[in-house]
Amino acid sequence: MKFVVSIYQDEDGVYIAECSSIPGCVSQGQTEPEAEANIVDAIRECLAVRAELGMPLTVTRREVEVAV
């Protein structure tokens, strides 16, 4: 499976990685590559737990337009 992840640097310099398709699936690292590797592991673990609990693996995502 392929997932879109967001990686950004927080105010302490740590890189945060999130997979918005899986609720609560977040990891971090000292570098972007480390955060990316860690989120891959987190995705695997989150999917395993959700499957074990009989939950849908991902949530529905939609694109919406907001006028600004």
Protein backbone atom coordinates (compact mmCIF):
# COMPACT_ATOMS: atom_id res chain seq x y z
CA MET A 1 0.00 0.00 0.00
CA LYS A 2 1.10 3.58 -0.58
CA PHE A 3 0.38 6.44 1.80
CA VAL A 4 0.90 10.18 1.65
CA VAL A 5 2.80 11.44 4.70
CA SER A 6 3.56 14.94 5.91
CA ILE A 7 6.98 15.72 7.36
CA TYR A 8 7.78 19.03 9.01
CA GLN A 9 10.29 20.42 11.47
CA ASP A 10 8.94 21.56 14.85
CA GLU A 11 10.18 24.44 16.99
CA ASP A 12 12.74 22.18 18.69
CA GLY A 13 14.27 21.07 15.38
CA VAL A 14 12.75 17.57 15.48
CA TYR A 15 11.12 16.28 12.29
CA ILE A 16 7.52 15.14 12.75
CA ALA A 17 5.96 12.65 10.32
CA GLU A 18 2.22 12.09 10.09
CA CYS A 19 0.02 9.81 8.04
CA SER A 20 -3.39 11.49 7.99
CA SER A 21 -5.06 8.45 6.42
CA ILE A 22 -4.55 6.55 9.67
CA PRO A 23 -5.82 8.31 12.81
CA GLY A 24 -3.09 8.81 15.40
CA CYS A 25 -0.30 7.57 13.15
CA VAL A 26 2.58 9.91 13.98
CA SER A 27 6.33 9.49 14.41
CA GLN A 28 9.45 11.64 14.53
CA GLY A 29 13.18 11.71 13.86
CA GLN A 30 16.24 13.91 14.15
CA THR A 31 16.43 14.14 10.32
CA GLU A 32 13.85 13.95 7.53
CA PRO A 33 15.09 10.52 6.37
CA GLU A 34 14.93 9.20 9.95
CA ALA A 35 11.39 10.56 10.38
CA GLU A 36 10.38 8.96 7.07
CA ALA A 37 11.80 5.58 8.09
CA ASN A 38 10.09 5.83 11.47
CA ILE A 39 6.68 6.67 9.98
CA VAL A 40 6.93 3.60 7.74
CA ASP A 41 7.33 1.47 10.88
CA ALA A 42 4.50 3.35 12.59
CA ILE A 43 2.19 2.78 9.62
CA ARG A 44 2.88 -0.97 9.73
CA GLU A 45 2.15 -1.07 13.47
CA CYS A 46 -0.99 1.05 13.21
CA LEU A 47 -2.36 -1.08 10.38
CA ALA A 48 -1.69 -4.28 12.35
CA VAL A 49 -3.49 -2.95 15.44
CA ARG A 50 -6.45 -1.67 13.43
CA ALA A 51 -6.75 -5.03 11.62
CA GLU A 52 -6.54 -6.92 14.92
CA LEU A 53 -9.34 -4.78 16.36
CA GLY A 54 -11.49 -5.19 13.25
CA MET A 55 -11.33 -1.48 12.48
CA PRO A 56 -11.15 -0.03 8.97
CA LEU A 57 -7.49 0.32 8.03
CA THR A 58 -7.82 3.92 6.89
CA VAL A 59 -10.30 6.77 7.07
CA THR A 60 -12.08 8.34 4.14
CA ARG A 61 -10.32 11.42 2.83
CA ARG A 62 -11.84 14.08 0.65
CA GLU A 63 -10.58 17.24 -0.95
CA VAL A 64 -12.72 20.30 -0.26
CA GLU A 65 -12.45 23.83 -1.52
CA VAL A 66 -12.48 26.76 0.87
CA ALA A 67 -12.89 30.33 -0.32
CA VAL A 68 -10.48 32.77 1.32
